[in-house]
Amino acid sequence: MARRLLVLGGTAEAAELARAAAGELPPGTDVITSLAGRTAPAPPLPGRVRVGGFGGADGLADFLATERIDLLIDATHPFAAAISAHGALACARTGVPRLMLLRPPWTPVQGDRWCDVASFTEAACLLPTLGRRVFLATGTGGIEAFAPLADLWFLVRTISPPPAPLPLARHTLLVARPPFRRADEAALLDAHRIEVLVSKNSGGTADAKLAAARDRGLPVVMIRRPSPPPGERVESVPQAIAWLRARL
């Protein structure tokens, strides 16, 4: 009988899944949550927590075998394409059943002024036509694409302080952890005289910064999420728990 679950985490859904698994799955189920360790520690999780990379698909496959992992749920961020690809390869090699817990993407609603782009580079090319004061709410991944835009000013928000200076000529760094309130996001846009917002389509529940941009009539450059690897997927923690129960 399957008893050991590995959760590839780092998202709110992954934390919720670990807590739900600890409370709802049969006694003796061992839950291991793996975190990349790139952001500041979140509240403690039940079960075992592993921090750090695996060393690619081969390293993850070795971990699955050594730790006798029975099931794997990939609950990483929709833009964490590398670890999701490694998870797919490692599970294919070891025969470990794999599920992706992937929150649905955001879709525009009435009043939104979205510019859908495929990459950070495409977003950077578009920005000068939309505004000079930019709220860059994408973290530091891919930020190098905006370095040539020396005439633009950026408000950059990150969950943790970046390990190195940002490669932007004109910017202000804001370190803050979600969730954020709509009124506070609106006040932030006003205080910094923001003219355009850049966001990754992380998806999930309604997002306060997008709502605030809609209220202000601001354009949003929305970076499309990468396509996930093939495999079974669900969009919610209860669906993931049901998948686990069917295999435990």
Protein backbone atom coordinates (compact mmCIF):
# COMPACT_ATOMS: atom_id res chain seq x y z
CA MET A 1 0.00 0.00 0.00
CA ALA A 2 1.33 3.44 -0.94
CA ARG A 3 2.40 5.34 2.14
CA ARG A 4 4.98 7.97 1.14
CA LEU A 5 4.06 11.16 -0.73
CA LEU A 6 6.44 13.79 -2.12
CA VAL A 7 4.96 17.24 -2.70
CA LEU A 8 6.96 19.57 -4.93
CA GLY A 9 5.95 22.79 -3.21
CA GLY A 10 6.60 26.46 -2.80
CA THR A 11 3.02 27.65 -3.36
CA ALA A 12 0.05 28.32 -1.11
CA GLU A 13 -1.68 25.32 -2.67
CA ALA A 14 1.25 23.07 -1.78
CA ALA A 15 1.15 24.20 1.85
CA GLU A 16 -2.62 23.68 1.96
CA LEU A 17 -2.15 20.23 0.44
CA ALA A 18 0.45 19.23 3.05
CA ARG A 19 -1.85 20.31 5.86
CA ALA A 20 -4.87 18.57 4.32
CA ALA A 21 -2.88 15.38 3.75
CA ALA A 22 -1.74 15.34 7.37
CA GLY A 23 -5.33 15.61 8.59
CA GLU A 24 -7.32 13.62 6.04
CA LEU A 25 -5.17 10.77 4.75
CA PRO A 26 -4.82 7.39 6.49
CA PRO A 27 -2.57 7.22 9.57
CA GLY A 28 0.99 6.37 8.68
CA THR A 29 1.02 8.35 5.44
CA ASP A 30 4.41 10.07 5.24
CA VAL A 31 4.28 13.50 3.60
CA ILE A 32 7.50 15.14 2.40
CA THR A 33 7.33 18.71 1.05
CA SER A 34 10.21 19.87 -1.11
CA LEU A 35 10.99 23.61 -1.27
CA ALA A 36 13.49 25.31 -3.56
CA GLY A 37 14.56 27.64 -0.75
CA ARG A 38 14.65 30.78 -2.90
CA THR A 39 12.27 32.77 -0.70
CA ALA A 40 12.00 33.52 2.99
CA PRO A 41 10.60 30.70 5.17
CA ALA A 42 6.83 30.43 5.34
CA PRO A 43 4.83 29.16 8.36
CA PRO A 44 5.84 25.63 9.42
CA LEU A 45 4.40 22.68 7.51
CA PRO A 46 3.36 19.28 8.86
CA GLY A 47 5.47 16.29 7.94
CA ARG A 48 9.01 16.48 6.65
CA VAL A 49 10.30 19.54 4.77
CA ARG A 50 13.23 19.30 2.37
CA VAL A 51 14.93 22.48 1.15
CA GLY A 52 17.10 22.72 -1.97
CA GLY A 53 17.35 21.36 -5.48
CA PHE A 54 17.65 17.74 -6.54
CA GLY A 55 20.26 18.09 -9.27
CA GLY A 56 17.98 17.76 -12.27
CA ALA A 57 15.76 14.89 -13.35
CA ASP A 58 18.42 12.28 -12.55
CA GLY A 59 18.84 13.59 -9.02
CA LEU A 60 15.10 13.63 -8.46
CA ALA A 61 14.79 10.08 -9.80
CA ASP A 62 17.50 8.98 -7.35
CA PHE A 63 15.63 10.69 -4.52
CA LEU A 64 12.38 8.95 -5.44
CA ALA A 65 14.13 5.59 -5.39
CA THR A 66 16.24 6.17 -2.27
CA GLU A 67 13.35 7.57 -0.25
CA ARG A 68 10.92 4.94 -1.57
CA ILE A 69 8.44 7.57 -2.72
CA ASP A 70 5.09 6.05 -3.71
CA LEU A 71 3.32 9.13 -5.12
CA LEU A 72 4.36 12.59 -6.28
CA ILE A 73 2.27 15.74 -6.56
CA ASP A 74 3.76 18.67 -8.43
CA ALA A 75 2.25 21.74 -6.74
CA THR A 76 4.95 24.17 -7.83
CA HIS A 77 4.38 27.62 -9.30
CA PRO A 78 2.98 27.62 -12.86
CA PHE A 79 6.20 29.33 -14.01
CA ALA A 80 8.49 26.76 -12.37
CA ALA A 81 8.89 24.99 -15.70
CA ALA A 82 12.25 23.34 -14.97
CA ILE A 83 11.25 21.43 -11.82
CA SER A 84 7.95 20.38 -13.41
CA ALA A 85 9.83 18.96 -16.40
CA HIS A 86 12.27 17.19 -14.07
CA GLY A 87 9.36 15.74 -12.10
CA ALA A 88 7.76 14.36 -15.25
CA LEU A 89 11.02 12.74 -16.39
CA ALA A 90 11.89 11.35 -12.97
CA CYS A 91 8.46 9.79 -12.46
CA ALA A 92 8.53 8.29 -15.95
CA ARG A 93 11.88 6.67 -15.19
CA THR A 94 10.90 5.33 -11.78
CA GLY A 95 7.25 4.50 -12.39
CA VAL A 96 6.06 6.77 -9.56
CA PRO A 97 2.50 8.04 -10.23
CA ARG A 98 2.48 11.83 -10.66
CA LEU A 99 -0.23 14.46 -10.41
CA MET A 100 0.02 18.18 -11.21
CA LEU A 101 -1.88 20.55 -8.93
CA LEU A 102 -2.06 23.53 -11.25
CA ARG A 103 -4.19 26.55 -10.42
CA PRO A 104 -6.25 27.86 -13.35
CA PRO A 105 -4.87 30.93 -15.16
CA TRP A 106 -6.40 34.36 -14.79
CA THR A 107 -8.63 35.57 -17.60
CA PRO A 108 -9.49 39.20 -18.33
CA VAL A 109 -12.85 40.60 -17.28
CA GLN A 110 -14.73 43.72 -18.30
CA GLY A 111 -12.61 46.81 -17.72
CA ASP A 112 -9.26 45.04 -18.01
CA ARG A 113 -6.68 46.43 -20.46
CA TRP A 114 -4.42 43.41 -20.86
CA CYS A 115 -1.58 43.03 -23.34
CA ASP A 116 -0.91 39.31 -23.58
CA VAL A 117 2.76 38.46 -24.26
CA ALA A 118 4.70 35.22 -24.47
CA SER A 119 7.91 36.21 -22.63
CA PHE A 120 9.73 38.75 -20.50
CA THR A 121 11.57 39.91 -23.61
CA GLU A 122 8.30 40.60 -25.42
CA ALA A 123 7.02 42.44 -22.35
CA ALA A 124 10.13 44.63 -22.28
CA CYS A 125 9.75 45.51 -25.97
CA LEU A 126 6.16 46.60 -25.41
CA LEU A 127 6.60 48.66 -22.23
CA PRO A 128 7.92 51.95 -23.71
CA THR A 129 4.71 52.30 -25.72
CA LEU A 130 2.54 52.03 -22.59
CA GLY A 131 4.14 54.11 -19.86
CA ARG A 132 7.26 55.35 -18.10
CA ARG A 133 6.53 54.33 -14.52
CA VAL A 134 6.21 50.57 -14.23
CA PHE A 135 5.06 48.28 -11.42
CA LEU A 136 7.08 45.13 -12.06
CA ALA A 137 5.23 42.50 -10.01
CA THR A 138 7.03 39.47 -11.43
CA GLY A 139 9.75 38.89 -8.85
CA THR A 140 13.37 38.85 -9.98
CA GLY A 141 13.18 35.95 -12.42
CA GLY A 142 13.61 37.27 -15.95
CA ILE A 143 14.30 40.81 -14.75
CA GLU A 144 17.38 41.06 -16.99
CA ALA A 145 15.04 41.55 -19.96
CA PHE A 146 14.13 45.00 -18.60
CA ALA A 147 17.72 46.17 -18.00
CA PRO A 148 18.04 47.99 -21.38
CA LEU A 149 15.06 50.22 -20.53
CA ALA A 150 17.13 52.91 -18.83
CA ASP A 151 14.53 55.62 -19.47
CA LEU A 152 11.83 53.78 -17.52
CA TRP A 153 11.40 53.74 -13.74
CA PHE A 154 10.42 50.47 -12.03
CA LEU A 155 8.76 49.59 -8.75
CA VAL A 156 9.95 46.02 -8.17
CA ARG A 157 8.17 43.87 -5.58
CA THR A 158 9.74 40.66 -4.28
CA ILE A 159 8.89 38.25 -1.48
CA SER A 160 12.48 38.17 -0.21
CA PRO A 161 15.43 40.54 -0.65
CA PRO A 162 17.25 39.67 -3.89
CA PRO A 163 20.72 38.14 -3.46
CA ALA A 164 22.33 40.71 -5.77
CA PRO A 165 21.64 44.29 -6.90
CA LEU A 166 18.93 44.54 -9.54
CA PRO A 167 20.15 45.29 -13.09
CA LEU A 168 17.85 48.28 -13.51
CA ALA A 169 19.07 51.84 -13.90
CA ARG A 170 16.09 53.45 -12.14
CA HIS A 171 14.04 51.50 -9.63
CA THR A 172 12.70 51.14 -6.10
CA LEU A 173 12.65 47.74 -4.40
CA LEU A 174 9.70 46.71 -2.25
CA VAL A 175 9.95 43.50 -0.19
CA ALA A 176 6.53 42.22 0.87
CA ARG A 177 4.76 38.90 1.20
CA PRO A 178 1.20 38.30 -0.06
CA PRO A 179 -1.72 38.30 0.35
CA PHE A 180 -2.35 41.94 -0.55
CA ARG A 181 -5.59 43.91 -0.26
CA ARG A 182 -7.18 45.68 -3.19
CA ALA A 183 -7.29 49.04 -1.39
CA ASP A 184 -3.62 48.76 -0.46
CA GLU A 185 -2.65 47.90 -4.02
CA ALA A 186 -4.60 50.91 -5.29
CA ALA A 187 -2.80 53.14 -2.78
CA LEU A 188 0.54 51.71 -3.93
CA LEU A 189 -0.24 52.50 -7.56
CA ASP A 190 -1.24 56.04 -6.64
CA ALA A 191 1.73 56.69 -4.35
CA HIS A 192 4.23 55.71 -7.06
CA ARG A 193 2.26 57.22 -9.96
CA ILE A 194 2.26 53.88 -11.75
CA GLU A 195 1.32 53.99 -15.43
CA VAL A 196 1.59 50.30 -16.37
CA LEU A 197 1.71 46.97 -14.54
CA VAL A 198 3.70 43.89 -15.55
CA SER A 199 2.52 40.55 -14.17
CA LYS A 200 3.02 36.85 -14.77
CA ASN A 201 -0.21 34.92 -15.27
CA SER A 202 0.24 32.98 -12.05
CA GLY A 203 -3.50 32.35 -11.80
CA GLY A 204 -5.61 31.21 -8.89
CA THR A 205 -7.99 33.35 -6.89
CA ALA A 206 -8.83 36.96 -7.76
CA ASP A 207 -5.72 39.11 -7.64
CA ALA A 208 -5.70 42.45 -5.83
CA LYS A 209 -3.11 44.19 -8.01
CA LEU A 210 -5.02 43.32 -11.18
CA ALA A 211 -8.24 44.60 -9.65
CA ALA A 212 -6.51 47.81 -8.59
CA ALA A 213 -5.10 48.30 -12.10
CA ARG A 214 -8.59 47.75 -13.52
CA ASP A 215 -10.01 50.35 -11.14
CA ARG A 216 -7.38 52.84 -12.33
CA GLY A 217 -7.79 51.98 -16.02
CA LEU A 218 -4.11 51.02 -16.25
CA PRO A 219 -2.71 48.73 -18.94
CA VAL A 220 -1.40 45.35 -17.76
CA VAL A 221 1.32 43.47 -19.60
CA MET A 222 0.42 39.85 -18.82
CA ILE A 223 3.16 37.27 -19.39
CA ARG A 224 1.71 33.96 -20.53
CA ARG A 225 2.59 30.92 -18.41
CA PRO A 226 4.67 28.12 -19.98
CA SER A 227 2.90 24.97 -21.08
CA PRO A 228 3.08 22.25 -18.40
CA PRO A 229 4.46 18.81 -19.22
CA PRO A 230 1.95 16.12 -20.19
CA GLY A 231 0.23 14.29 -17.38
CA GLU A 232 -2.78 14.11 -15.13
CA ARG A 233 -3.69 17.41 -13.49
CA VAL A 234 -6.23 18.96 -11.14
CA GLU A 235 -6.96 22.57 -10.17
CA SER A 236 -7.74 22.34 -6.45
CA VAL A 237 -6.51 20.80 -3.22
CA PRO A 238 -9.73 18.78 -2.64
CA GLN A 239 -9.29 17.24 -6.11
CA ALA A 240 -5.69 16.36 -5.24
CA ILE A 241 -6.77 14.77 -1.95
CA ALA A 242 -9.36 12.71 -3.82
CA TRP A 243 -6.61 11.54 -6.21
CA LEU A 244 -4.49 10.53 -3.23
CA ARG A 245 -7.32 8.70 -1.47
CA ALA A 246 -7.97 6.63 -4.60
CA ARG A 247 -4.33 5.44 -4.47
CA LEU A 248 -3.91 5.01 -0.72
